[in-house]
N, C-alpha and C. Protein backbone atom coordinates (compact mmCIF):
# COMPACT_ATOMS: atom_id res chain seq x y z
N MET A 1 -4.45 177.08 91.26
CA MET A 1 -4.30 176.86 92.76
C MET A 1 -4.48 174.70 92.18
N PRO A 2 -3.90 173.20 92.48
CA PRO A 2 -3.86 172.16 92.10
C PRO A 2 -5.21 171.65 92.05
N ILE A 3 -5.73 171.10 90.94
CA ILE A 3 -6.82 170.56 90.89
C ILE A 3 -6.44 168.81 90.95
N ASP A 4 -7.30 168.27 91.83
CA ASP A 4 -6.96 167.04 91.64
C ASP A 4 -8.19 165.96 91.13
N LEU A 5 -7.59 165.49 90.08
CA LEU A 5 -8.79 164.23 89.68
C LEU A 5 -8.56 163.14 89.76
N THR A 6 -8.29 162.49 90.45
CA THR A 6 -8.15 161.65 90.71
C THR A 6 -9.26 160.45 92.10
N LEU A 7 -8.97 159.20 92.15
CA LEU A 7 -10.63 159.07 92.81
C LEU A 7 -9.97 158.69 93.89
N ALA A 8 -10.32 158.61 94.55
CA ALA A 8 -9.81 158.30 96.22
C ALA A 8 -9.20 156.67 96.68
N VAL A 9 -8.60 156.14 96.76
CA VAL A 9 -8.16 154.62 96.65
C VAL A 9 -9.16 154.23 97.94
N GLY A 10 -9.97 152.78 97.60
CA GLY A 10 -10.28 152.48 98.96
C GLY A 10 -11.46 151.31 98.35
N SER A 11 -12.16 150.82 99.26
CA SER A 11 -12.68 149.96 98.93
C SER A 11 -14.18 150.10 97.71
N GLU A 12 -14.48 151.19 97.70
CA GLU A 12 -15.74 151.39 97.43
C GLU A 12 -15.16 152.24 95.84
N MET A 13 -13.99 152.38 95.22
CA MET A 13 -13.43 152.47 94.04
C MET A 13 -13.76 152.34 92.78
N LEU A 14 -14.26 152.53 91.80
CA LEU A 14 -14.12 152.24 90.58
C LEU A 14 -13.09 150.92 90.38
N SER A 15 -13.51 149.85 89.71
CA SER A 15 -12.83 149.19 89.70
C SER A 15 -13.05 147.89 88.24
N PHE A 16 -12.29 147.60 87.28
CA PHE A 16 -12.76 146.82 86.37
C PHE A 16 -13.39 145.78 86.62
N PRO A 17 -14.18 145.39 85.99
CA PRO A 17 -15.65 144.17 86.11
C PRO A 17 -14.42 142.85 86.21
N GLY A 18 -15.11 141.91 87.29
CA GLY A 18 -14.18 141.07 87.52
C GLY A 18 -12.43 140.55 88.26
N TYR A 19 -12.09 142.12 88.03
CA TYR A 19 -11.00 142.57 88.90
C TYR A 19 -10.87 142.29 90.32
N PRO A 20 -10.19 141.62 90.88
CA PRO A 20 -9.93 142.10 92.49
C PRO A 20 -10.39 142.96 92.73
N ALA A 21 -11.32 143.22 94.48
CA ALA A 21 -11.49 144.59 94.78
C ALA A 21 -9.88 145.04 95.91
N PHE A 22 -9.96 146.02 95.92
CA PHE A 22 -8.92 146.76 96.67
C PHE A 22 -9.79 146.74 97.81
N ASP A 23 -8.14 146.17 98.87
CA ASP A 23 -8.69 145.49 100.23
C ASP A 23 -7.48 146.13 100.90
N ALA A 24 -7.71 146.51 102.08
CA ALA A 24 -6.70 146.63 103.23
C ALA A 24 -6.74 145.96 104.52
N GLU A 25 -5.59 145.83 105.05
CA GLU A 25 -5.87 145.13 107.03
C GLU A 25 -4.35 145.95 107.62
N VAL A 26 -5.17 145.91 108.81
CA VAL A 26 -4.19 146.60 109.71
C VAL A 26 -2.78 145.32 110.41
N ILE A 27 -1.89 146.07 109.71
CA ILE A 27 -0.71 145.25 110.35
C ILE A 27 0.44 145.30 111.69
N ARG A 28 0.28 146.65 112.37
CA ARG A 28 0.52 146.93 113.38
C ARG A 28 -0.54 148.49 113.87
N THR A 29 -0.80 148.48 115.22
CA THR A 29 -1.80 149.10 115.62
C THR A 29 -0.44 150.26 116.43
N TYR A 30 -1.28 151.37 117.01
CA TYR A 30 -0.76 151.95 117.98
C TYR A 30 -0.94 151.13 119.33
N GLU A 31 -1.74 150.85 119.39
CA GLU A 31 -1.31 149.86 121.29
C GLU A 31 0.05 148.99 121.34
N GLU A 32 -0.39 148.10 120.67
CA GLU A 32 0.82 147.01 120.80
C GLU A 32 2.28 147.19 120.23
N ASN A 33 2.07 148.53 118.75
CA ASN A 33 3.08 148.79 118.34
C ASN A 33 3.70 150.59 118.31
N GLY A 34 2.60 151.11 118.50
CA GLY A 34 3.41 152.93 118.63
C GLY A 34 2.75 153.30 117.80
N HIS A 35 2.71 152.78 116.82
CA HIS A 35 2.73 152.68 115.00
C HIS A 35 1.10 152.28 114.93
N LEU A 36 1.08 153.13 113.39
CA LEU A 36 0.01 152.06 112.34
C LEU A 36 0.55 151.95 111.33
N SER A 37 0.61 150.74 110.46
CA SER A 37 0.64 150.09 110.03
C SER A 37 -0.12 149.15 108.52
N HIS A 38 -0.20 149.30 107.62
CA HIS A 38 -1.55 148.80 106.57
C HIS A 38 -1.06 147.72 105.86
N ARG A 39 -1.30 146.73 105.13
CA ARG A 39 -1.25 146.44 103.82
C ARG A 39 -2.22 146.56 103.08
N PHE A 40 -1.54 146.62 101.78
CA PHE A 40 -3.65 146.73 101.00
C PHE A 40 -2.90 145.77 99.82
N THR A 41 -4.35 145.61 99.38
CA THR A 41 -3.79 144.48 98.01
C THR A 41 -4.82 145.80 97.06
N ALA A 42 -4.39 145.22 95.33
CA ALA A 42 -4.97 146.60 94.39
C ALA A 42 -5.01 145.45 93.02
N THR A 43 -5.24 146.08 92.18
CA THR A 43 -4.95 144.85 91.04
C THR A 43 -3.85 147.24 90.39
N THR A 44 -2.92 146.32 89.25
CA THR A 44 -2.49 147.97 88.68
C THR A 44 -3.73 148.56 87.43
N HIS A 45 -5.06 148.35 87.48
CA HIS A 45 -6.39 148.63 87.18
C HIS A 45 -6.82 149.69 88.34
N SER A 46 -6.73 149.74 89.54
CA SER A 46 -7.89 150.14 90.26
C SER A 46 -7.70 151.82 90.06
N GLY A 47 -8.95 152.16 90.35
CA GLY A 47 -9.33 153.62 90.65
C GLY A 47 -8.53 154.13 89.25
N THR A 48 -7.91 155.49 89.72
CA THR A 48 -7.38 156.40 88.30
C THR A 48 -6.40 155.84 88.03
N HIS A 49 -5.81 155.16 87.30
CA HIS A 49 -4.66 154.61 86.90
C HIS A 49 -4.68 155.10 85.31
N ILE A 50 -3.02 154.74 85.04
CA ILE A 50 -2.74 154.37 83.43
C ILE A 50 -2.00 153.22 83.16
N ASP A 51 -2.23 153.02 81.80
CA ASP A 51 -1.84 152.03 81.11
C ASP A 51 -0.74 152.66 80.34
N ALA A 52 -0.01 151.91 80.57
CA ALA A 52 1.09 152.07 79.40
C ALA A 52 1.21 150.94 78.04
N PRO A 53 2.41 150.84 77.12
CA PRO A 53 1.82 149.76 75.82
C PRO A 53 1.89 148.81 76.33
N ALA A 54 2.53 148.20 77.71
CA ALA A 54 2.74 146.95 77.81
C ALA A 54 1.36 146.48 77.85
N HIS A 55 0.27 147.07 78.35
CA HIS A 55 -0.81 146.40 78.78
C HIS A 55 -1.88 145.34 77.33
N TYR A 56 -1.58 145.89 76.27
CA TYR A 56 -1.56 144.71 75.18
C TYR A 56 -0.74 144.95 73.87
N ILE A 57 0.35 145.56 74.36
CA ILE A 57 1.32 145.41 73.46
C ILE A 57 2.38 144.55 73.72
N GLU A 58 2.54 142.90 73.34
CA GLU A 58 4.01 142.36 74.19
C GLU A 58 5.23 143.20 73.72
N GLY A 59 6.03 143.11 74.56
CA GLY A 59 7.17 143.51 74.48
C GLY A 59 7.10 145.38 74.17
N GLY A 60 5.77 146.43 73.99
CA GLY A 60 5.54 147.09 74.71
C GLY A 60 6.48 148.31 75.78
N VAL A 61 6.16 149.35 75.64
CA VAL A 61 6.46 150.23 76.92
C VAL A 61 6.13 149.43 78.32
N THR A 62 6.56 149.70 79.53
CA THR A 62 6.21 148.94 80.44
C THR A 62 5.96 150.65 81.78
N VAL A 63 5.21 150.68 82.58
CA VAL A 63 4.52 152.14 83.60
C VAL A 63 6.00 152.56 83.64
N ASP A 64 6.68 151.81 84.49
CA ASP A 64 7.92 152.56 84.74
C ASP A 64 9.17 152.84 83.80
N GLU A 65 8.62 153.02 82.48
CA GLU A 65 9.31 153.38 81.39
C GLU A 65 9.50 154.45 80.40
N LEU A 66 7.67 155.21 81.62
CA LEU A 66 7.04 155.94 80.29
C LEU A 66 7.87 157.30 80.60
N ASP A 67 7.89 157.87 79.62
CA ASP A 67 8.74 159.38 79.62
C ASP A 67 8.23 160.93 81.12
N LEU A 68 8.43 160.62 81.62
CA LEU A 68 7.79 161.97 82.34
C LEU A 68 7.51 163.57 81.46
N ASP A 69 8.29 163.59 79.94
CA ASP A 69 8.13 164.90 79.15
C ASP A 69 6.51 164.74 78.71
N VAL A 70 6.25 163.14 78.65
CA VAL A 70 4.99 162.92 77.72
C VAL A 70 3.64 163.34 79.12
N LEU A 71 4.38 162.76 80.34
CA LEU A 71 3.24 162.70 81.78
C LEU A 71 3.10 164.12 82.39
N VAL A 72 3.29 164.85 81.72
CA VAL A 72 3.76 165.88 82.28
C VAL A 72 3.57 167.32 81.57
N GLY A 73 2.85 168.04 81.57
CA GLY A 73 2.62 169.75 80.58
C GLY A 73 1.72 169.72 80.15
N PRO A 74 1.15 170.64 79.10
CA PRO A 74 0.21 171.26 78.94
C PRO A 74 -0.82 170.29 78.01
N ALA A 75 -1.96 170.26 78.23
CA ALA A 75 -2.77 169.45 77.81
C ALA A 75 -4.25 169.84 77.43
N THR A 76 -5.04 169.76 76.24
CA THR A 76 -6.40 170.58 75.89
C THR A 76 -7.82 169.79 76.46
N VAL A 77 -8.38 170.05 77.07
CA VAL A 77 -9.17 169.45 77.80
C VAL A 77 -10.65 170.05 76.38
N LEU A 78 -11.46 168.45 76.02
CA LEU A 78 -12.34 168.55 75.10
C LEU A 78 -13.87 168.48 76.26
N ASP A 79 -14.71 169.41 75.93
CA ASP A 79 -15.92 168.98 76.63
C ASP A 79 -16.64 167.96 75.82
N LEU A 80 -17.20 166.94 76.17
CA LEU A 80 -18.09 166.42 75.73
C LEU A 80 -19.36 166.10 76.68
N ARG A 81 -19.65 167.01 77.47
CA ARG A 81 -20.80 166.14 78.26
C ARG A 81 -22.38 166.18 77.51
N SER A 82 -22.27 166.99 76.45
CA SER A 82 -23.68 166.68 75.87
C SER A 82 -23.83 165.20 74.58
N TYR A 83 -22.64 164.45 74.62
CA TYR A 83 -22.46 163.92 73.96
C TYR A 83 -22.65 162.14 75.41
N ARG A 84 -22.15 162.88 76.70
CA ARG A 84 -22.55 162.44 77.95
C ARG A 84 -23.57 160.25 77.94
N GLY A 85 -22.84 159.38 77.65
CA GLY A 85 -23.38 158.75 77.86
C GLY A 85 -23.45 157.45 76.39
N GLU A 86 -22.99 158.26 75.21
CA GLU A 86 -23.01 158.30 74.23
C GLU A 86 -21.42 157.71 73.63
N PRO A 87 -21.61 156.73 72.51
CA PRO A 87 -20.15 156.52 71.67
C PRO A 87 -19.31 157.50 71.43
N ILE A 88 -18.55 157.76 71.75
CA ILE A 88 -17.52 159.01 71.14
C ILE A 88 -16.77 158.58 70.28
N SER A 89 -17.08 159.02 68.91
CA SER A 89 -16.64 158.67 67.52
C SER A 89 -15.29 159.54 67.08
N ARG A 90 -15.15 159.15 65.73
CA ARG A 90 -14.11 160.49 65.32
C ARG A 90 -15.17 161.50 64.29
N ASP A 91 -16.78 161.36 64.30
CA ASP A 91 -17.22 162.23 63.86
C ASP A 91 -17.33 163.81 65.28
N VAL A 92 -17.69 162.97 66.04
CA VAL A 92 -17.59 163.59 67.49
C VAL A 92 -16.43 164.64 67.82
N LEU A 93 -15.41 163.81 67.65
CA LEU A 93 -13.78 164.60 67.92
C LEU A 93 -13.57 165.50 66.75
N ASP A 94 -13.73 165.14 65.52
CA ASP A 94 -13.44 166.08 64.35
C ASP A 94 -15.00 167.69 64.55
N ALA A 95 -15.91 166.98 65.00
CA ALA A 95 -16.87 168.83 65.65
C ALA A 95 -15.95 169.56 66.62
N GLU A 96 -15.63 168.54 67.68
CA GLU A 96 -16.06 169.58 69.07
C GLU A 96 -14.48 169.73 69.35
N SER A 97 -13.04 169.47 68.45
CA SER A 97 -11.72 169.50 68.65
C SER A 97 -11.13 170.61 68.16
N PRO A 98 -10.44 171.61 68.63
CA PRO A 98 -9.45 172.41 68.06
C PRO A 98 -7.97 171.79 67.19
N PRO A 99 -7.44 172.59 66.33
CA PRO A 99 -6.53 172.29 65.44
C PRO A 99 -5.10 171.30 66.77
N LEU A 100 -4.94 170.13 66.83
CA LEU A 100 -4.02 169.70 67.53
C LEU A 100 -2.72 169.83 67.02
N ASP A 101 -1.52 169.61 67.86
CA ASP A 101 -0.27 170.10 66.92
C ASP A 101 0.40 168.34 67.30
N PRO A 102 1.39 168.00 66.43
CA PRO A 102 1.48 166.72 67.36
C PRO A 102 2.05 166.47 68.31
N GLY A 103 1.36 165.38 69.11
CA GLY A 103 2.41 165.45 70.73
C GLY A 103 1.52 166.12 71.32
N ALA A 104 0.10 166.13 71.27
CA ALA A 104 -0.54 167.22 71.91
C ALA A 104 -1.19 165.96 73.26
N ARG A 105 -1.61 166.76 74.31
CA ARG A 105 -2.09 165.71 75.57
C ARG A 105 -3.20 166.13 75.15
N LEU A 106 -4.44 165.17 75.67
CA LEU A 106 -5.94 165.16 75.95
C LEU A 106 -6.56 165.09 76.28
N VAL A 107 -7.51 165.57 77.13
CA VAL A 107 -8.16 165.35 78.01
C VAL A 107 -9.88 165.18 77.91
N LEU A 108 -9.92 164.09 78.08
CA LEU A 108 -11.59 163.72 76.78
C LEU A 108 -12.53 164.22 78.84
N VAL A 109 -14.07 164.48 78.21
CA VAL A 109 -14.57 164.84 79.49
C VAL A 109 -16.26 164.66 79.33
N THR A 110 -16.83 163.63 79.41
CA THR A 110 -17.85 163.62 79.51
C THR A 110 -18.75 163.89 81.01
N GLY A 111 -17.72 163.59 82.24
CA GLY A 111 -18.37 163.65 83.92
C GLY A 111 -19.24 162.45 84.48
N ASP A 112 -18.40 161.35 83.32
CA ASP A 112 -19.49 160.35 83.30
C ASP A 112 -19.01 159.22 85.03
N VAL A 113 -17.66 159.27 85.75
CA VAL A 113 -17.03 158.73 86.35
C VAL A 113 -18.24 159.82 87.63
N ASP A 114 -17.34 161.32 87.80
CA ASP A 114 -18.63 161.93 89.00
C ASP A 114 -20.04 161.22 88.44
N ARG A 115 -20.87 161.26 87.88
CA ARG A 115 -22.21 160.82 87.25
C ARG A 115 -22.80 159.38 87.92
N LEU A 116 -21.77 158.58 87.86
CA LEU A 116 -22.59 157.58 87.78
C LEU A 116 -21.76 156.55 88.98
N PRO A 117 -22.43 155.59 89.57
CA PRO A 117 -21.80 154.78 90.76
C PRO A 117 -20.63 153.62 90.35
N PRO A 118 -19.78 153.70 90.56
CA PRO A 118 -19.18 152.54 90.67
C PRO A 118 -19.14 150.77 90.70
N ASP A 119 -20.19 150.52 90.32
CA ASP A 119 -20.63 149.39 90.15
C ASP A 119 -20.57 148.94 88.58
N GLY A 120 -21.53 147.96 87.63
CA GLY A 120 -21.89 147.59 86.64
C GLY A 120 -22.69 148.51 86.10
N THR A 121 -23.17 149.89 86.72
CA THR A 121 -23.92 151.40 86.38
C THR A 121 -22.80 152.00 85.22
N PHE A 122 -21.74 151.95 85.80
CA PHE A 122 -20.60 152.70 85.18
C PHE A 122 -20.63 151.84 83.75
N PHE A 123 -20.22 150.77 84.11
CA PHE A 123 -19.73 150.08 82.42
C PHE A 123 -20.39 149.43 81.46
N GLY A 124 -21.69 149.99 82.55
CA GLY A 124 -23.45 149.68 81.12
C GLY A 124 -23.99 150.85 80.58
N GLU A 125 -22.95 152.41 81.08
CA GLU A 125 -24.09 153.34 80.31
C GLU A 125 -22.99 154.58 80.19
N ALA A 126 -21.87 154.88 80.91
CA ALA A 126 -20.79 155.07 80.20
C ALA A 126 -20.51 155.60 78.83
N SER A 127 -20.16 156.31 78.51
CA SER A 127 -19.77 156.64 77.35
C SER A 127 -18.49 155.81 76.76
N VAL A 128 -18.17 156.03 75.60
CA VAL A 128 -16.82 154.61 75.04
C VAL A 128 -16.44 155.20 74.05
N LEU A 129 -14.75 154.98 73.93
CA LEU A 129 -14.61 155.68 72.43
C LEU A 129 -14.66 154.48 71.05
N THR A 130 -14.92 154.62 70.15
CA THR A 130 -15.07 154.20 68.78
C THR A 130 -13.39 153.53 68.43
N ALA A 131 -13.62 152.29 67.19
CA ALA A 131 -12.60 152.40 66.91
C ALA A 131 -11.81 153.37 65.78
N ASP A 132 -12.99 154.33 65.51
CA ASP A 132 -12.45 155.50 64.12
C ASP A 132 -11.96 156.15 64.99
N ALA A 133 -12.86 156.57 66.62
CA ALA A 133 -11.82 157.48 67.59
C ALA A 133 -10.51 158.12 67.46
N ALA A 134 -10.49 156.19 67.97
CA ALA A 134 -9.18 155.84 67.96
C ALA A 134 -8.17 155.70 67.06
N ASP A 135 -8.80 155.70 65.70
CA ASP A 135 -7.56 155.80 64.59
C ASP A 135 -7.80 157.25 64.78
N TRP A 136 -8.87 157.90 64.70
CA TRP A 136 -8.48 160.15 64.88
C TRP A 136 -6.95 159.98 65.45
N LEU A 137 -7.58 159.41 66.75
CA LEU A 137 -6.10 160.19 67.56
C LEU A 137 -5.19 159.70 67.52
N VAL A 138 -4.29 158.62 67.17
CA VAL A 138 -3.24 158.47 66.52
C VAL A 138 -2.89 159.00 65.21
N GLU A 139 -3.82 158.85 64.35
CA GLU A 139 -3.96 159.88 63.32
C GLU A 139 -3.16 161.49 63.61
N ARG A 140 -3.67 161.82 64.57
CA ARG A 140 -3.14 163.02 64.72
C ARG A 140 -1.62 163.29 66.10
N GLU A 141 -1.34 161.96 66.11
CA GLU A 141 -0.31 162.07 67.12
C GLU A 141 -0.65 162.25 68.63
N VAL A 142 -1.43 162.01 68.87
CA VAL A 142 -1.86 162.54 70.71
C VAL A 142 -0.56 161.62 70.90
N SER A 143 -0.06 162.57 72.05
CA SER A 143 1.47 162.08 72.99
C SER A 143 0.32 161.11 74.59
N LEU A 144 -0.58 161.70 74.95
CA LEU A 144 -1.15 161.01 76.12
C LEU A 144 -3.23 161.60 75.67
N LEU A 145 -3.26 160.44 76.37
CA LEU A 145 -5.15 160.52 76.46
C LEU A 145 -5.92 160.40 78.21
N ALA A 146 -6.13 161.12 78.80
CA ALA A 146 -6.69 161.35 79.98
C ALA A 146 -8.18 160.95 79.87
N ASN A 147 -9.47 160.56 80.21
CA ASN A 147 -10.88 160.75 79.79
C ASN A 147 -11.78 160.26 81.17
N ASP A 148 -12.42 160.71 81.55
CA ASP A 148 -13.49 160.38 82.53
C ASP A 148 -14.64 159.42 82.35
N PHE A 149 -14.19 158.33 81.10
CA PHE A 149 -15.86 157.52 81.00
C PHE A 149 -14.97 156.42 81.07
N LEU A 150 -15.60 155.56 79.64
CA LEU A 150 -15.01 154.22 79.70
C LEU A 150 -14.01 154.19 78.01
N THR A 151 -13.13 154.26 78.90
CA THR A 151 -12.17 153.99 77.74
C THR A 151 -13.27 153.17 75.63
N GLU A 152 -13.46 151.83 76.38
CA GLU A 152 -14.00 151.03 75.51
C GLU A 152 -14.58 150.03 75.87
N GLY A 153 -15.54 150.05 75.19
CA GLY A 153 -17.24 149.39 75.47
C GLY A 153 -16.21 147.91 75.71
N LEU A 154 -17.09 147.21 77.07
CA LEU A 154 -17.06 145.65 76.61
C LEU A 154 -17.34 144.47 75.95
N ASP A 155 -18.16 145.02 74.59
CA ASP A 155 -18.32 144.13 73.68
C ASP A 155 -17.82 143.70 73.38
N ASP A 156 -16.48 144.31 72.81
CA ASP A 156 -15.25 144.08 71.80
C ASP A 156 -14.46 143.11 72.41
N PRO A 157 -13.99 141.69 72.54
CA PRO A 157 -13.16 140.93 73.35
C PRO A 157 -11.94 141.35 72.15
N ALA A 158 -11.60 141.86 71.41
CA ALA A 158 -11.01 142.02 70.54
C ALA A 158 -9.79 143.93 71.12
N ARG A 159 -10.46 144.19 71.89
CA ARG A 159 -10.29 145.53 71.91
C ARG A 159 -9.37 146.21 71.79
N PRO A 160 -9.87 146.98 70.21
CA PRO A 160 -9.35 147.30 68.96
C PRO A 160 -8.99 148.61 69.58
N VAL A 161 -9.63 149.23 70.61
CA VAL A 161 -9.44 150.73 70.66
C VAL A 161 -8.23 150.64 71.14
N HIS A 162 -7.55 149.89 71.96
CA HIS A 162 -6.66 150.08 73.47
C HIS A 162 -5.75 149.79 72.33
N HIS A 163 -6.01 148.29 71.78
CA HIS A 163 -4.35 148.14 70.53
C HIS A 163 -4.27 149.06 69.16
N ALA A 164 -5.01 150.41 69.00
CA ALA A 164 -5.05 151.13 68.18
C ALA A 164 -3.76 152.63 68.88
N LEU A 165 -4.58 153.10 70.59
CA LEU A 165 -3.88 153.49 71.56
C LEU A 165 -2.58 153.33 71.86
N LEU A 166 -2.11 152.37 72.21
CA LEU A 166 -0.96 151.56 73.04
C LEU A 166 -0.45 151.61 71.67
N GLY A 167 -0.83 150.30 71.04
CA GLY A 167 -0.23 150.28 69.89
C GLY A 167 0.87 151.31 69.04
N ALA A 168 0.23 152.64 69.43
CA ALA A 168 0.63 154.21 68.62
C ALA A 168 1.68 154.73 69.61
N GLY A 169 2.14 154.07 71.31
CA GLY A 169 2.77 154.69 72.00
C GLY A 169 1.70 155.32 72.73
N ILE A 170 0.90 155.52 72.86
CA ILE A 170 0.18 156.68 73.67
C ILE A 170 -0.53 155.84 74.92
N PRO A 171 -0.40 156.64 75.61
CA PRO A 171 -0.34 155.56 77.42
C PRO A 171 -1.81 156.33 77.60
N VAL A 172 -2.41 155.69 78.47
CA VAL A 172 -4.66 156.43 78.69
C VAL A 172 -4.23 156.09 79.78
N VAL A 173 -4.89 157.44 80.20
CA VAL A 173 -4.98 158.42 81.16
C VAL A 173 -6.58 157.19 81.80
N GLU A 174 -7.08 156.44 83.11
CA GLU A 174 -8.41 156.27 82.95
C GLU A 174 -9.36 157.10 83.87
N TYR A 175 -10.24 156.76 84.30
CA TYR A 175 -11.06 156.63 84.92
C TYR A 175 -11.33 158.89 86.62
N LEU A 176 -10.87 159.52 85.66
CA LEU A 176 -10.69 160.51 86.39
C LEU A 176 -11.69 161.10 86.83
N CYS A 177 -11.76 161.94 87.62
CA CYS A 177 -12.86 162.54 88.34
C CYS A 177 -12.64 163.95 88.84
N ASN A 178 -13.44 165.47 89.22
CA ASN A 178 -13.89 166.13 89.85
C ASN A 178 -13.40 166.99 88.06
N THR A 179 -13.69 166.45 86.92
CA THR A 179 -13.72 167.06 85.91
C THR A 179 -14.73 168.58 85.59
N ASP A 180 -15.52 168.34 86.18
CA ASP A 180 -16.15 169.61 86.10
C ASP A 180 -15.04 170.89 86.45
N ALA A 181 -14.01 170.94 87.52
CA ALA A 181 -13.48 171.59 87.76
C ALA A 181 -12.72 172.38 86.41
N ILE A 182 -12.31 171.63 85.70
CA ILE A 182 -11.61 171.97 84.02
C ILE A 182 -12.15 171.82 83.06
N VAL A 183 -13.30 171.39 82.95
CA VAL A 183 -14.17 170.86 81.65
C VAL A 183 -14.04 172.73 80.60
N ASP A 184 -14.16 173.39 81.63
CA ASP A 184 -14.70 174.84 81.04
C ASP A 184 -13.24 175.55 80.35
N ASP A 185 -12.02 175.02 80.90
CA ASP A 185 -10.98 176.00 80.52
C ASP A 185 -10.19 175.98 79.33
N GLY A 186 -10.59 174.80 78.87
CA GLY A 186 -10.16 174.64 76.90
C GLY A 186 -8.75 173.79 77.64
N ALA A 187 -7.95 174.04 78.04
CA ALA A 187 -6.52 173.75 78.56
C ALA A 187 -5.82 173.77 79.94
N VAL A 188 -4.96 173.26 80.18
CA VAL A 188 -4.72 172.98 81.36
C VAL A 188 -3.34 172.48 81.46
N ASP A 189 -2.37 172.86 82.54
CA ASP A 189 -1.54 172.02 82.88
C ASP A 189 -1.68 170.47 83.65
N LEU A 190 -1.32 169.58 83.12
CA LEU A 190 -1.65 168.18 83.94
C LEU A 190 -0.22 167.42 83.67
N THR A 191 -0.62 167.18 85.51
CA THR A 191 0.53 166.13 86.00
C THR A 191 0.06 164.89 86.05
N CYS A 192 0.38 163.55 85.46
CA CYS A 192 -0.33 162.44 85.22
C CYS A 192 1.01 161.78 86.29
N LEU A 193 1.34 160.57 87.74
CA LEU A 193 2.39 160.16 87.98
C LEU A 193 1.88 158.91 88.49
N PRO A 194 2.35 158.16 87.62
CA PRO A 194 2.16 156.70 88.15
C PRO A 194 3.06 156.27 89.22
N LEU A 195 2.52 154.78 90.08
CA LEU A 195 4.09 154.52 90.36
C LEU A 195 4.48 153.91 89.40
N PRO A 196 6.24 153.87 89.78
CA PRO A 196 6.87 153.52 88.69
C PRO A 196 7.08 151.60 89.41
N LEU A 197 5.85 150.74 88.63
CA LEU A 197 6.47 149.72 88.83
C LEU A 197 7.19 148.83 88.22
N ALA A 198 7.94 148.41 88.29
CA ALA A 198 8.62 148.01 87.78
C ALA A 198 8.63 147.00 86.78
N GLY A 199 8.58 146.96 85.15
CA GLY A 199 8.27 145.69 84.60
C GLY A 199 7.07 145.66 84.26
N LEU A 200 5.74 146.44 84.96
CA LEU A 200 4.41 146.28 84.97
C LEU A 200 3.31 147.48 84.22
N GLU A 201 2.57 146.71 82.76
CA GLU A 201 1.54 146.71 82.79
C GLU A 201 0.85 148.34 82.64
N ALA A 202 0.78 149.17 83.92
CA ALA A 202 -0.31 149.92 84.23
C ALA A 202 0.31 150.40 86.06
N ALA A 203 -0.45 151.05 86.46
CA ALA A 203 -0.23 151.45 87.86
C ALA A 203 -1.13 153.13 87.91
N PRO A 204 -1.71 152.61 89.56
CA PRO A 204 -2.21 153.90 89.82
C PRO A 204 -1.85 155.01 89.94
N ALA A 205 -2.24 156.54 89.77
CA ALA A 205 -1.58 157.39 88.98
C ALA A 205 -2.49 158.30 89.86
N ARG A 206 -2.02 159.20 90.49
CA ARG A 206 -2.30 161.01 91.16
C ARG A 206 -2.16 161.98 89.36
N VAL A 207 -3.64 162.32 89.35
CA VAL A 207 -3.50 163.22 88.62
C VAL A 207 -3.69 164.54 89.23
N VAL A 208 -3.21 165.73 89.08
CA VAL A 208 -2.87 167.07 88.72
C VAL A 208 -3.41 167.78 87.97
N ALA A 209 -4.10 168.28 88.06
CA ALA A 209 -4.38 169.48 86.72
C ALA A 209 -4.17 171.50 87.69
N GLU A 210 -3.68 171.85 86.56
CA GLU A 210 -4.09 173.52 87.17
C GLU A 210 -3.61 174.40 85.97
N ARG A 211 -5.00 175.49 86.30
CA ARG A 211 -5.26 176.27 85.59
C ARG A 211 -4.77 177.44 84.80
N GLY A 212 -4.15 177.44 83.39
CA GLY A 212 -3.52 178.35 83.02
C GLY A 212 -3.16 179.42 83.42
């Protein structure tokens, strides 16, 4: 049975600090028009979404250009719940990861999205990847990274983690939820489908896992 790892899109969903919040308004009603329609606004980084290389790499691949062979397929799941709220470093990944073949998809789980409220609390208390962890992922030629915590801390404006991962062509799937349902499996079949927003650097995505 498919497991939905996607945050519901709405005004209460997780959104990066300083970015405009999701908003929706009715533009057609049953009473006046015989049908219901809405207009909505959101950023490309709202809720569960995928960062393409173009997010930080000028001239990099945009979200509509991501290869479906990368976005769909088997993925290794790492249970990092014992490090919840702590930095996820190279040493942590060395300790918790099995050997990975080049091109592996990797899902890192701490449970932070599900346990922390979608406000400043999350961005202050969630686990983050360290720069040496990003280097570890690049060295192992991971093809896709997905996680349910904060990919990178907000303290370094140079954003070394994003630059390392996206510079190596590794799309990053952020803000997964419901990860307790897959964390003990070790591996899943993962489907990450962003909206194909032409020429843009990221997009909201529906992310679904199936147990092997």
